[in-house]
Amino acid sequence: YLISTMDGKAHQRGRGVLVHCQAGVSRSATIVIAYLMKHTRMTMMDAYKYVRGRRPVVSPNLNFMGQLLEFERDLNSGITPRILTPKLNGLETQVYDENDDDCITAEDSL
């Protein structure tokens, strides 16, 4: 709600919105990725790449990545893969959905 309100006011004034957290790496990036997913219909991966292209140090923590996957499923009526294997800082990690046994690996590392 807060971001929608701020975004609406910024849009009316022809300005942008600064989203930040302590380091500008995880929390703020997650909020911006979720916003892009909802308001531009980008996939999580596309929104991540878009944000990372503008701020290369972004790296949402694994919990946030799991929440973004869940949010993407909600936005797309459950069409999103249940498991994603991103590479964060060169390390392969997995975000699981306990309801699915299939594994899908992201070829494009986050």
PDB file of N, CA and C in Angstrom:
ATOM      1  N   TYR A   1       0.820  -1.191   0.000  1.00  0.00           N
ATOM      2  CA  TYR A   1       0.000   0.000   0.000  1.00  0.00           C
ATOM      3  C   TYR A   1       0.861   1.252   0.000  1.00  0.00           C
ATOM      4  N   LEU A   2       1.857   1.290   0.869  1.00  0.00           N
ATOM      5  CA  LEU A   2       2.723   2.461   0.969  1.00  0.00           C
ATOM      6  C   LEU A   2       3.425   2.738  -0.355  1.00  0.00           C
ATOM      7  N   ILE A   3       3.943   1.691  -0.990  1.00  0.00           N
ATOM      8  CA  ILE A   3       4.644   1.898  -2.256  1.00  0.00           C
ATOM      9  C   ILE A   3       3.679   2.345  -3.335  1.00  0.00           C
ATOM     10  N   SER A   4       2.484   1.786  -3.381  1.00  0.00           N
ATOM     11  CA  SER A   4       1.499   2.225  -4.372  1.00  0.00           C
ATOM     12  C   SER A   4       1.163   3.693  -4.188  1.00  0.00           C
ATOM     13  N   THR A   5       1.005   4.114  -2.950  1.00  0.00           N
ATOM     14  CA  THR A   5       0.697   5.516  -2.668  1.00  0.00           C
ATOM     15  C   THR A   5       1.853   6.411  -3.082  1.00  0.00           C
ATOM     16  N   MET A   6       3.060   6.031  -2.692  1.00  0.00           N
ATOM     17  CA  MET A   6       4.228   6.830  -3.048  1.00  0.00           C
ATOM     18  C   MET A   6       4.422   6.867  -4.551  1.00  0.00           C
ATOM     19  N   ASP A   7       4.252   5.727  -5.208  1.00  0.00           N
ATOM     20  CA  ASP A   7       4.428   5.656  -6.650  1.00  0.00           C
ATOM     21  C   ASP A   7       3.399   6.530  -7.352  1.00  0.00           C
ATOM     22  N   GLY A   8       2.154   6.499  -6.889  1.00  0.00           N
ATOM     23  CA  GLY A   8       1.109   7.324  -7.492  1.00  0.00           C
ATOM     24  C   GLY A   8       1.423   8.802  -7.388  1.00  0.00           C
ATOM     25  N   LYS A   9       1.874   9.227  -6.225  1.00  0.00           N
ATOM     26  CA  LYS A   9       2.222  10.636  -6.031  1.00  0.00           C
ATOM     27  C   LYS A   9       3.430  11.017  -6.873  1.00  0.00           C
ATOM     28  N   ALA A  10       4.426  10.153  -6.934  1.00  0.00           N
ATOM     29  CA  ALA A  10       5.616  10.434  -7.740  1.00  0.00           C
ATOM     30  C   ALA A  10       5.249  10.521  -9.213  1.00  0.00           C
ATOM     31  N   HIS A  11       4.379   9.615  -9.661  1.00  0.00           N
ATOM     32  CA  HIS A  11       3.952   9.620 -11.060  1.00  0.00           C
ATOM     33  C   HIS A  11       3.212  10.913 -11.396  1.00  0.00           C
ATOM     34  N   GLN A  12       2.341  11.343 -10.500  1.00  0.00           N
ATOM     35  CA  GLN A  12       1.604  12.593 -10.715  1.00  0.00           C
ATOM     36  C   GLN A  12       2.551  13.779 -10.837  1.00  0.00           C
ATOM     37  N   ARG A  13       3.630  13.745 -10.104  1.00  0.00           N
ATOM     38  CA  ARG A  13       4.593  14.853 -10.114  1.00  0.00           C
ATOM     39  C   ARG A  13       5.687  14.663 -11.158  1.00  0.00           C
ATOM     40  N   GLY A  14       5.667  13.531 -11.863  1.00  0.00           N
ATOM     41  CA  GLY A  14       6.690  13.262 -12.861  1.00  0.00           C
ATOM     42  C   GLY A  14       8.058  12.949 -12.263  1.00  0.00           C
ATOM     43  N   ARG A  15       8.063  12.347 -11.098  1.00  0.00           N
ATOM     44  CA  ARG A  15       9.309  12.031 -10.400  1.00  0.00           C
ATOM     45  C   ARG A  15       9.419  10.541 -10.119  1.00  0.00           C
ATOM     46  N   GLY A  16      10.612  10.125  -9.754  1.00  0.00           N
ATOM     47  CA  GLY A  16      10.849   8.745  -9.365  1.00  0.00           C
ATOM     48  C   GLY A  16      10.728   8.579  -7.864  1.00  0.00           C
ATOM     49  N   VAL A  17      10.902   7.353  -7.422  1.00  0.00           N
ATOM     50  CA  VAL A  17      10.851   7.021  -5.997  1.00  0.00           C
ATOM     51  C   VAL A  17      12.165   6.339  -5.629  1.00  0.00           C
ATOM     52  N   LEU A  18      12.789   6.784  -4.557  1.00  0.00           N
ATOM     53  CA  LEU A  18      13.997   6.147  -4.052  1.00  0.00           C
ATOM     54  C   LEU A  18      13.592   5.087  -3.033  1.00  0.00           C
ATOM     55  N   VAL A  19      14.011   3.856  -3.285  1.00  0.00           N
ATOM     56  CA  VAL A  19      13.750   2.757  -2.356  1.00  0.00           C
ATOM     57  C   VAL A  19      15.111   2.327  -1.827  1.00  0.00           C
ATOM     58  N   HIS A  20      15.264   2.328  -0.515  1.00  0.00           N
ATOM     59  CA  HIS A  20      16.570   1.973   0.039  1.00  0.00           C
ATOM     60  C   HIS A  20      16.416   1.194   1.337  1.00  0.00           C
ATOM     61  N   CYS A  21      17.472   0.497   1.675  1.00  0.00           N
ATOM     62  CA  CYS A  21      17.582  -0.191   2.956  1.00  0.00           C
ATOM     63  C   CYS A  21      18.999   0.072   3.458  1.00  0.00           C
ATOM     64  N   GLN A  22      19.415  -0.611   4.475  1.00  0.00           N
ATOM     65  CA  GLN A  22      20.722  -0.322   5.070  1.00  0.00           C
ATOM     66  C   GLN A  22      21.865  -0.439   4.056  1.00  0.00           C
ATOM     67  N   ALA A  23      21.910  -1.524   3.308  1.00  0.00           N
ATOM     68  CA  ALA A  23      23.017  -1.732   2.372  1.00  0.00           C
ATOM     69  C   ALA A  23      22.603  -1.594   0.911  1.00  0.00           C
ATOM     70  N   GLY A  24      21.306  -1.579   0.635  1.00  0.00           N
ATOM     71  CA  GLY A  24      20.853  -1.482  -0.749  1.00  0.00           C
ATOM     72  C   GLY A  24      21.120  -2.738  -1.552  1.00  0.00           C
ATOM     73  N   VAL A  25      21.149  -3.871  -0.886  1.00  0.00           N
ATOM     74  CA  VAL A  25      21.504  -5.121  -1.546  1.00  0.00           C
ATOM     75  C   VAL A  25      20.352  -6.123  -1.561  1.00  0.00           C
ATOM     76  N   SER A  26      19.657  -6.292  -0.453  1.00  0.00           N
ATOM     77  CA  SER A  26      18.661  -7.352  -0.337  1.00  0.00           C
ATOM     78  C   SER A  26      17.234  -6.831  -0.176  1.00  0.00           C
ATOM     79  N   ARG A  27      16.957  -6.128   0.904  1.00  0.00           N
ATOM     80  CA  ARG A  27      15.577  -5.714   1.194  1.00  0.00           C
ATOM     81  C   ARG A  27      15.010  -4.763   0.145  1.00  0.00           C
ATOM     82  N   SER A  28      15.735  -3.703  -0.152  1.00  0.00           N
ATOM     83  CA  SER A  28      15.214  -2.733  -1.126  1.00  0.00           C
ATOM     84  C   SER A  28      15.094  -3.368  -2.507  1.00  0.00           C
ATOM     85  N   ALA A  29      16.061  -4.204  -2.867  1.00  0.00           N
ATOM     86  CA  ALA A  29      15.999  -4.879  -4.164  1.00  0.00           C
ATOM     87  C   ALA A  29      14.772  -5.781  -4.248  1.00  0.00           C
ATOM     88  N   THR A  30      14.460  -6.477  -3.166  1.00  0.00           N
ATOM     89  CA  THR A  30      13.295  -7.358  -3.139  1.00  0.00           C
ATOM     90  C   THR A  30      12.010  -6.575  -3.345  1.00  0.00           C
ATOM     91  N   ILE A  31      11.894  -5.423  -2.697  1.00  0.00           N
ATOM     92  CA  ILE A  31      10.699  -4.585  -2.851  1.00  0.00           C
ATOM     93  C   ILE A  31      10.557  -4.120  -4.294  1.00  0.00           C
ATOM     94  N   VAL A  32      11.655  -3.681  -4.895  1.00  0.00           N
ATOM     95  CA  VAL A  32      11.603  -3.195  -6.279  1.00  0.00           C
ATOM     96  C   VAL A  32      11.277  -4.337  -7.236  1.00  0.00           C
ATOM     97  N   ILE A  33      11.859  -5.499  -7.024  1.00  0.00           N
ATOM     98  CA  ILE A  33      11.566  -6.659  -7.874  1.00  0.00           C
ATOM     99  C   ILE A  33      10.084  -7.021  -7.776  1.00  0.00           C
ATOM    100  N   ALA A  34       9.555  -7.079  -6.565  1.00  0.00           N
ATOM    101  CA  ALA A  34       8.131  -7.397  -6.381  1.00  0.00           C
ATOM    102  C   ALA A  34       7.252  -6.346  -7.054  1.00  0.00           C
ATOM    103  N   TYR A  35       7.622  -5.090  -6.929  1.00  0.00           N
ATOM    104  CA  TYR A  35       6.856  -4.013  -7.565  1.00  0.00           C
ATOM    105  C   TYR A  35       6.836  -4.203  -9.082  1.00  0.00           C
ATOM    106  N   LEU A  36       7.998  -4.472  -9.673  1.00  0.00           N
ATOM    107  CA  LEU A  36       8.068  -4.674 -11.120  1.00  0.00           C
ATOM    108  C   LEU A  36       7.252  -5.886 -11.553  1.00  0.00           C
ATOM    109  N   MET A  37       7.307  -6.949 -10.762  1.00  0.00           N
ATOM    110  CA  MET A  37       6.531  -8.141 -11.087  1.00  0.00           C
ATOM    111  C   MET A  37       5.046  -7.828 -11.125  1.00  0.00           C
ATOM    112  N   LYS A  38       4.584  -7.085 -10.151  1.00  0.00           N
ATOM    113  CA  LYS A  38       3.155  -6.794 -10.060  1.00  0.00           C
ATOM    114  C   LYS A  38       2.697  -5.759 -11.080  1.00  0.00           C
ATOM    115  N   HIS A  39       3.459  -4.688 -11.231  1.00  0.00           N
ATOM    116  CA  HIS A  39       2.977  -3.562 -12.026  1.00  0.00           C
ATOM    117  C   HIS A  39       3.415  -3.575 -13.483  1.00  0.00           C
ATOM    118  N   THR A  40       4.413  -4.390 -13.838  1.00  0.00           N
ATOM    119  CA  THR A  40       4.822  -4.475 -15.243  1.00  0.00           C
ATOM    120  C   THR A  40       4.663  -5.888 -15.790  1.00  0.00           C
ATOM    121  N   ARG A  41       4.231  -6.809 -14.925  1.00  0.00           N
ATOM    122  CA  ARG A  41       4.022  -8.220 -15.279  1.00  0.00           C
ATOM    123  C   ARG A  41       5.320  -8.914 -15.702  1.00  0.00           C
ATOM    124  N   MET A  42       6.451  -8.415 -15.216  1.00  0.00           N
ATOM    125  CA  MET A  42       7.726  -9.098 -15.464  1.00  0.00           C
ATOM    126  C   MET A  42       7.753 -10.392 -14.660  1.00  0.00           C
ATOM    127  N   THR A  43       8.489 -11.370 -15.163  1.00  0.00           N
ATOM    128  CA  THR A  43       8.743 -12.557 -14.358  1.00  0.00           C
ATOM    129  C   THR A  43       9.732 -12.178 -13.257  1.00  0.00           C
ATOM    130  N   MET A  44       9.859 -13.035 -12.265  1.00  0.00           N
ATOM    131  CA  MET A  44      10.817 -12.759 -11.204  1.00  0.00           C
ATOM    132  C   MET A  44      12.222 -12.643 -11.779  1.00  0.00           C
ATOM    133  N   MET A  45      12.579 -13.553 -12.664  1.00  0.00           N
ATOM    134  CA  MET A  45      13.919 -13.555 -13.250  1.00  0.00           C
ATOM    135  C   MET A  45      14.162 -12.284 -14.062  1.00  0.00           C
ATOM    136  N   ASP A  46      13.180 -11.880 -14.870  1.00  0.00           N
ATOM    137  CA  ASP A  46      13.341 -10.663 -15.674  1.00  0.00           C
ATOM    138  C   ASP A  46      13.446  -9.423 -14.796  1.00  0.00           C
ATOM    139  N   ALA A  47      12.628  -9.361 -13.757  1.00  0.00           N
ATOM    140  CA  ALA A  47      12.678  -8.212 -12.844  1.00  0.00           C
ATOM    141  C   ALA A  47      14.019  -8.184 -12.112  1.00  0.00           C
ATOM    142  N   TYR A  48      14.490  -9.358 -11.697  1.00  0.00           N
ATOM    143  CA  TYR A  48      15.793  -9.431 -11.032  1.00  0.00           C
ATOM    144  C   TYR A  48      16.896  -8.922 -11.957  1.00  0.00           C
ATOM    145  N   LYS A  49      16.894  -9.407 -13.193  1.00  0.00           N
ATOM    146  CA  LYS A  49      17.925  -8.992 -14.152  1.00  0.00           C
ATOM    147  C   LYS A  49      17.850  -7.493 -14.430  1.00  0.00           C
ATOM    148  N   TYR A  50      16.647  -6.969 -14.514  1.00  0.00           N
ATOM    149  CA  TYR A  50      16.458  -5.539 -14.746  1.00  0.00           C
ATOM    150  C   TYR A  50      17.064  -4.727 -13.597  1.00  0.00           C
ATOM    151  N   VAL A  51      16.745  -5.116 -12.365  1.00  0.00           N
ATOM    152  CA  VAL A  51      17.261  -4.400 -11.192  1.00  0.00           C
ATOM    153  C   VAL A  51      18.776  -4.572 -11.096  1.00  0.00           C
ATOM    154  N   ARG A  52      19.239  -5.784 -11.312  1.00  0.00           N
ATOM    155  CA  ARG A  52      20.685  -6.041 -11.229  1.00  0.00           C
ATOM    156  C   ARG A  52      21.450  -5.291 -12.314  1.00  0.00           C
ATOM    157  N   GLY A  53      20.828  -5.091 -13.461  1.00  0.00           N
ATOM    158  CA  GLY A  53      21.463  -4.323 -14.524  1.00  0.00           C
ATOM    159  C   GLY A  53      21.676  -2.865 -14.147  1.00  0.00           C
ATOM    160  N   ARG A  54      20.866  -2.395 -13.214  1.00  0.00           N
ATOM    161  CA  ARG A  54      20.979  -1.007 -12.771  1.00  0.00           C
ATOM    162  C   ARG A  54      21.756  -0.867 -11.465  1.00  0.00           C
ATOM    163  N   ARG A  55      21.808  -1.942 -10.702  1.00  0.00           N
ATOM    164  CA  ARG A  55      22.584  -1.954  -9.450  1.00  0.00           C
ATOM    165  C   ARG A  55      23.183  -3.350  -9.296  1.00  0.00           C
ATOM    166  N   PRO A  56      24.386  -3.553  -9.829  1.00  0.00           N
ATOM    167  CA  PRO A  56      24.991  -4.889  -9.887  1.00  0.00           C
ATOM    168  C   PRO A  56      25.197  -5.593  -8.546  1.00  0.00           C
ATOM    169  N   VAL A  57      25.183  -4.879  -7.439  1.00  0.00           N
ATOM    170  CA  VAL A  57      25.434  -5.528  -6.147  1.00  0.00           C
ATOM    171  C   VAL A  57      24.190  -6.150  -5.526  1.00  0.00           C
ATOM    172  N   VAL A  58      23.020  -5.995  -6.139  1.00  0.00           N
ATOM    173  CA  VAL A  58      21.811  -6.536  -5.511  1.00  0.00           C
ATOM    174  C   VAL A  58      21.910  -8.053  -5.397  1.00  0.00           C
ATOM    175  N   SER A  59      21.425  -8.569  -4.280  1.00  0.00           N
ATOM    176  CA  SER A  59      21.441 -10.003  -4.016  1.00  0.00           C
ATOM    177  C   SER A  59      20.438 -10.310  -2.906  1.00  0.00           C
ATOM    178  N   PRO A  60      19.148 -10.422  -3.260  1.00  0.00           N
ATOM    179  CA  PRO A  60      18.145 -10.736  -2.237  1.00  0.00           C
ATOM    180  C   PRO A  60      18.497 -12.042  -1.525  1.00  0.00           C
ATOM    181  N   ASN A  61      18.285 -12.080  -0.215  1.00  0.00           N
ATOM    182  CA  ASN A  61      18.606 -13.305   0.523  1.00  0.00           C
ATOM    183  C   ASN A  61      17.655 -14.432   0.110  1.00  0.00           C
ATOM    184  N   LEU A  62      18.020 -15.653   0.469  1.00  0.00           N
ATOM    185  CA  LEU A  62      17.254 -16.821   0.017  1.00  0.00           C
ATOM    186  C   LEU A  62      15.810 -16.801   0.492  1.00  0.00           C
ATOM    187  N   ASN A  63      15.562 -16.314   1.691  1.00  0.00           N
ATOM    188  CA  ASN A  63      14.193 -16.217   2.180  1.00  0.00           C
ATOM    189  C   ASN A  63      13.379 -15.280   1.289  1.00  0.00           C
ATOM    190  N   PHE A  64      13.952 -14.137   0.943  1.00  0.00           N
ATOM    191  CA  PHE A  64      13.254 -13.198   0.069  1.00  0.00           C
ATOM    192  C   PHE A  64      13.035 -13.800  -1.318  1.00  0.00           C
ATOM    193  N   MET A  65      14.023 -14.554  -1.818  1.00  0.00           N
ATOM    194  CA  MET A  65      13.859 -15.190  -3.130  1.00  0.00           C
ATOM    195  C   MET A  65      12.689 -16.177  -3.092  1.00  0.00           C
ATOM    196  N   GLY A  66      12.584 -16.925  -2.003  1.00  0.00           N
ATOM    197  CA  GLY A  66      11.454 -17.842  -1.852  1.00  0.00           C
ATOM    198  C   GLY A  66      10.133 -17.099  -1.818  1.00  0.00           C
ATOM    199  N   GLN A  67      10.103 -15.970  -1.132  1.00  0.00           N
ATOM    200  CA  GLN A  67       8.882 -15.166  -1.078  1.00  0.00           C
ATOM    201  C   GLN A  67       8.550 -14.580  -2.447  1.00  0.00           C
ATOM    202  N   LEU A  68       9.572 -14.188  -3.206  1.00  0.00           N
ATOM    203  CA  LEU A  68       9.326 -13.676  -4.559  1.00  0.00           C
ATOM    204  C   LEU A  68       8.762 -14.772  -5.462  1.00  0.00           C
ATOM    205  N   LEU A  69       9.271 -15.997  -5.318  1.00  0.00           N
ATOM    206  CA  LEU A  69       8.723 -17.118  -6.092  1.00  0.00           C
ATOM    207  C   LEU A  69       7.258 -17.354  -5.741  1.00  0.00           C
ATOM    208  N   GLU A  70       6.956 -17.317  -4.455  1.00  0.00           N
ATOM    209  CA  GLU A  70       5.569 -17.495  -4.018  1.00  0.00           C
ATOM    210  C   GLU A  70       4.689 -16.363  -4.558  1.00  0.00           C
ATOM    211  N   PHE A  71       5.197 -15.153  -4.524  1.00  0.00           N
ATOM    212  CA  PHE A  71       4.465 -14.000  -5.044  1.00  0.00           C
ATOM    213  C   PHE A  71       4.225 -14.152  -6.544  1.00  0.00           C
ATOM    214  N   GLU A  72       5.232 -14.643  -7.261  1.00  0.00           N
ATOM    215  CA  GLU A  72       5.082 -14.860  -8.696  1.00  0.00           C
ATOM    216  C   GLU A  72       4.006 -15.910  -8.978  1.00  0.00           C
ATOM    217  N   ARG A  73       3.991 -16.975  -8.187  1.00  0.00           N
ATOM    218  CA  ARG A  73       2.946 -17.997  -8.351  1.00  0.00           C
ATOM    219  C   ARG A  73       1.572 -17.394  -8.122  1.00  0.00           C
ATOM    220  N   ASP A  74       1.456 -16.570  -7.088  1.00  0.00           N
ATOM    221  CA  ASP A  74       0.176 -15.914  -6.810  1.00  0.00           C
ATOM    222  C   ASP A  74      -0.244 -15.018  -7.970  1.00  0.00           C
ATOM    223  N   LEU A  75       0.707 -14.282  -8.522  1.00  0.00           N
ATOM    224  CA  LEU A  75       0.392 -13.390  -9.640  1.00  0.00           C
ATOM    225  C   LEU A  75      -0.006 -14.158 -10.894  1.00  0.00           C
ATOM    226  N   ASN A  76       0.570 -15.349 -11.071  1.00  0.00           N
ATOM    227  CA  ASN A  76       0.357 -16.122 -12.298  1.00  0.00           C
ATOM    228  C   ASN A  76      -0.511 -17.351 -12.097  1.00  0.00           C
ATOM    229  N   SER A  77      -1.284 -17.372 -11.063  1.00  0.00           N
ATOM    230  CA  SER A  77      -2.206 -18.484 -10.796  1.00  0.00           C
ATOM    231  C   SER A  77      -1.512 -19.837 -10.734  1.00  0.00           C
ATOM    232  N   GLY A  78      -0.349 -19.889 -10.132  1.00  0.00           N
ATOM    233  CA  GLY A  78       0.319 -21.163  -9.903  1.00  0.00           C
ATOM    234  C   GLY A  78       1.115 -21.705 -11.058  1.00  0.00           C
ATOM    235  N   ILE A  79       1.434 -20.908 -12.071  1.00  0.00           N
ATOM    236  CA  ILE A  79       2.143 -21.395 -13.245  1.00  0.00           C
ATOM    237  C   ILE A  79       3.658 -21.423 -13.042  1.00  0.00           C
ATOM    238  N   THR A  80       4.163 -20.751 -12.052  1.00  0.00           N
ATOM    239  CA  THR A  80       5.598 -20.602 -11.827  1.00  0.00           C
ATOM    240  C   THR A  80       6.244 -21.901 -11.362  1.00  0.00           C
ATOM    241  N   PRO A  81       7.497 -22.172 -11.767  1.00  0.00           N
ATOM    242  CA  PRO A  81       8.206 -23.352 -11.263  1.00  0.00           C
ATOM    243  C   PRO A  81       8.252 -23.364  -9.739  1.00  0.00           C
ATOM    244  N   ARG A  82       8.213 -24.557  -9.165  1.00  0.00           N
ATOM    245  CA  ARG A  82       8.171 -24.699  -7.715  1.00  0.00           C
ATOM    246  C   ARG A  82       9.563 -24.599  -7.078  1.00  0.00           C
ATOM    247  N   ILE A  83      10.590 -24.964  -7.830  1.00  0.00           N
ATOM    248  CA  ILE A  83      11.940 -24.940  -7.288  1.00  0.00           C
ATOM    249  C   ILE A  83      12.834 -24.197  -8.276  1.00  0.00           C
ATOM    250  N   LEU A  84      13.677 -23.351  -7.760  1.00  0.00           N
ATOM    251  CA  LEU A  84      14.606 -22.594  -8.586  1.00  0.00           C
ATOM    252  C   LEU A  84      15.997 -22.805  -8.022  1.00  0.00           C
ATOM    253  N   THR A  85      16.947 -23.048  -8.879  1.00  0.00           N
ATOM    254  CA  THR A  85      18.323 -23.207  -8.448  1.00  0.00           C
ATOM    255  C   THR A  85      19.137 -22.037  -8.997  1.00  0.00           C
ATOM    256  N   PRO A  86      19.148 -20.921  -8.282  1.00  0.00           N
ATOM    257  CA  PRO A  86      19.943 -19.787  -8.744  1.00  0.00           C
ATOM    258  C   PRO A  86      21.391 -19.915  -8.295  1.00  0.00           C
ATOM    259  N   LYS A  87      22.262 -19.186  -8.945  1.00  0.00           N
ATOM    260  CA  LYS A  87      23.646 -19.098  -8.501  1.00  0.00           C
ATOM    261  C   LYS A  87      23.851 -17.693  -7.972  1.00  0.00           C
ATOM    262  N   LEU A  88      24.047 -17.608  -6.685  1.00  0.00           N
ATOM    263  CA  LEU A  88      24.268 -16.325  -6.036  1.00  0.00           C
ATOM    264  C   LEU A  88      25.727 -16.226  -5.639  1.00  0.00           C
ATOM    265  N   ASN A  89      26.396 -15.228  -6.174  1.00  0.00           N
ATOM    266  CA  ASN A  89      27.820 -15.034  -5.880  1.00  0.00           C
ATOM    267  C   ASN A  89      28.627 -16.293  -6.178  1.00  0.00           C
ATOM    268  N   GLY A  90      28.279 -16.987  -7.263  1.00  0.00           N
ATOM    269  CA  GLY A  90      29.012 -18.166  -7.679  1.00  0.00           C
ATOM    270  C   GLY A  90      28.656 -19.444  -6.950  1.00  0.00           C
ATOM    271  N   LEU A  91      27.799 -19.390  -5.942  1.00  0.00           N
ATOM    272  CA  LEU A  91      27.410 -20.579  -5.192  1.00  0.00           C
ATOM    273  C   LEU A  91      26.020 -21.014  -5.615  1.00  0.00           C
ATOM    274  N   GLU A  92      25.867 -22.288  -5.892  1.00  0.00           N
ATOM    275  CA  GLU A  92      24.555 -22.781  -6.273  1.00  0.00           C
ATOM    276  C   GLU A  92      23.725 -23.008  -5.023  1.00  0.00           C
ATOM    277  N   THR A  93      22.537 -22.450  -5.025  1.00  0.00           N
ATOM    278  CA  THR A  93      21.627 -22.585  -3.893  1.00  0.00           C
ATOM    279  C   THR A  93      20.270 -23.000  -4.419  1.00  0.00           C
ATOM    280  N   GLN A  94      19.419 -23.464  -3.546  1.00  0.00           N
ATOM    281  CA  GLN A  94      18.089 -23.859  -3.968  1.00  0.00           C
ATOM    282  C   GLN A  94      17.039 -23.238  -3.077  1.00  0.00           C
ATOM    283  N   VAL A  95      15.954 -22.832  -3.728  1.00  0.00           N
ATOM    284  CA  VAL A  95      14.780 -22.350  -3.020  1.00  0.00           C
ATOM    285  C   VAL A  95      13.713 -23.403  -3.250  1.00  0.00           C
ATOM    286  N   TYR A  96      13.211 -24.002  -2.193  1.00  0.00           N
ATOM    287  CA  TYR A  96      12.288 -25.120  -2.297  1.00  0.00           C
ATOM    288  C   TYR A  96      10.851 -24.729  -2.007  1.00  0.00           C
ATOM    289  N   ASP A  97       9.957 -25.454  -2.629  1.00  0.00           N
ATOM    290  CA  ASP A  97       8.551 -25.451  -2.242  1.00  0.00           C
ATOM    291  C   ASP A  97       8.277 -26.881  -1.798  1.00  0.00           C
ATOM    292  N   GLU A  98       7.967 -27.060  -0.544  1.00  0.00           N
ATOM    293  CA  GLU A  98       7.789 -28.407   0.002  1.00  0.00           C
ATOM    294  C   GLU A  98       6.644 -29.175  -0.646  1.00  0.00           C
ATOM    295  N   ASN A  99       5.806 -28.504  -1.443  1.00  0.00           N
ATOM    296  CA  ASN A  99       4.671 -29.162  -2.080  1.00  0.00           C
ATOM    297  C   ASN A  99       5.006 -29.756  -3.441  1.00  0.00           C
ATOM    298  N   ASP A 100       6.246 -29.633  -3.893  1.00  0.00           N
ATOM    299  CA  ASP A 100       6.591 -30.109  -5.223  1.00  0.00           C
ATOM    300  C   ASP A 100       7.938 -30.819  -5.191  1.00  0.00           C
ATOM    301  N   ASP A 101       8.027 -31.972  -5.864  1.00  0.00           N
ATOM    302  CA  ASP A 101       9.267 -32.733  -5.889  1.00  0.00           C
ATOM    303  C   ASP A 101      10.110 -32.460  -7.129  1.00  0.00           C
ATOM    304  N   ASP A 102       9.548 -31.783  -8.124  1.00  0.00           N
ATOM    305  CA  ASP A 102      10.289 -31.491  -9.343  1.00  0.00           C
ATOM    306  C   ASP A 102      11.305 -30.387  -9.091  1.00  0.00           C
ATOM    307  N   CYS A 103      12.348 -30.382  -9.889  1.00  0.00           N
ATOM    308  CA  CYS A 103      13.378 -29.352  -9.754  1.00  0.00           C
ATOM    309  C   CYS A 103      13.613 -28.709 -11.108  1.00  0.00           C
ATOM    310  N   ILE A 104      13.612 -27.412 -11.127  1.00  0.00           N
ATOM    311  CA  ILE A 104      13.904 -26.677 -12.346  1.00  0.00           C
ATOM    312  C   ILE A 104      15.118 -25.818 -12.067  1.00  0.00           C
ATOM    313  N   THR A 105      16.128 -25.923 -12.920  1.00  0.00           N
ATOM    314  CA  THR A 105      17.347 -25.152 -12.729  1.00  0.00           C
ATOM    315  C   THR A 105      17.324 -23.943 -13.636  1.00  0.00           C
ATOM    316  N   ALA A 106      17.652 -22.807 -13.095  1.00  0.00           N
ATOM    317  CA  ALA A 106      17.723 -21.587 -13.892  1.00  0.00           C
ATOM    318  C   ALA A 106      19.068 -21.567 -14.598  1.00  0.00           C
ATOM    319  N   GLU A 107      19.059 -21.600 -15.910  1.00  0.00           N
ATOM    320  CA  GLU A 107      20.296 -21.562 -16.673  1.00  0.00           C
ATOM    321  C   GLU A 107      20.998 -20.220 -16.508  1.00  0.00           C
ATOM    322  N   ASP A 108      20.208 -19.158 -16.501  1.00  0.00           N
ATOM    323  CA  ASP A 108      20.766 -17.827 -16.286  1.00  0.00           C
ATOM    324  C   ASP A 108      20.928 -17.633 -14.796  1.00  0.00           C
ATOM    325  N   SER A 109      22.163 -17.536 -14.363  1.00  0.00           N
ATOM    326  CA  SER A 109      22.370 -17.368 -12.923  1.00  0.00           C
ATOM    327  C   SER A 109      21.913 -15.997 -12.495  1.00  0.00           C
ATOM    328  N   LEU A 110      21.361 -15.956 -11.289  1.00  0.00           N
ATOM    329  CA  LEU A 110      20.912 -14.685 -10.741  1.00  0.00           C
ATOM    330  C   LEU A 110      22.126 -13.940 -10.404  1.00  0.00           C
TER     331      LEU A 110
END
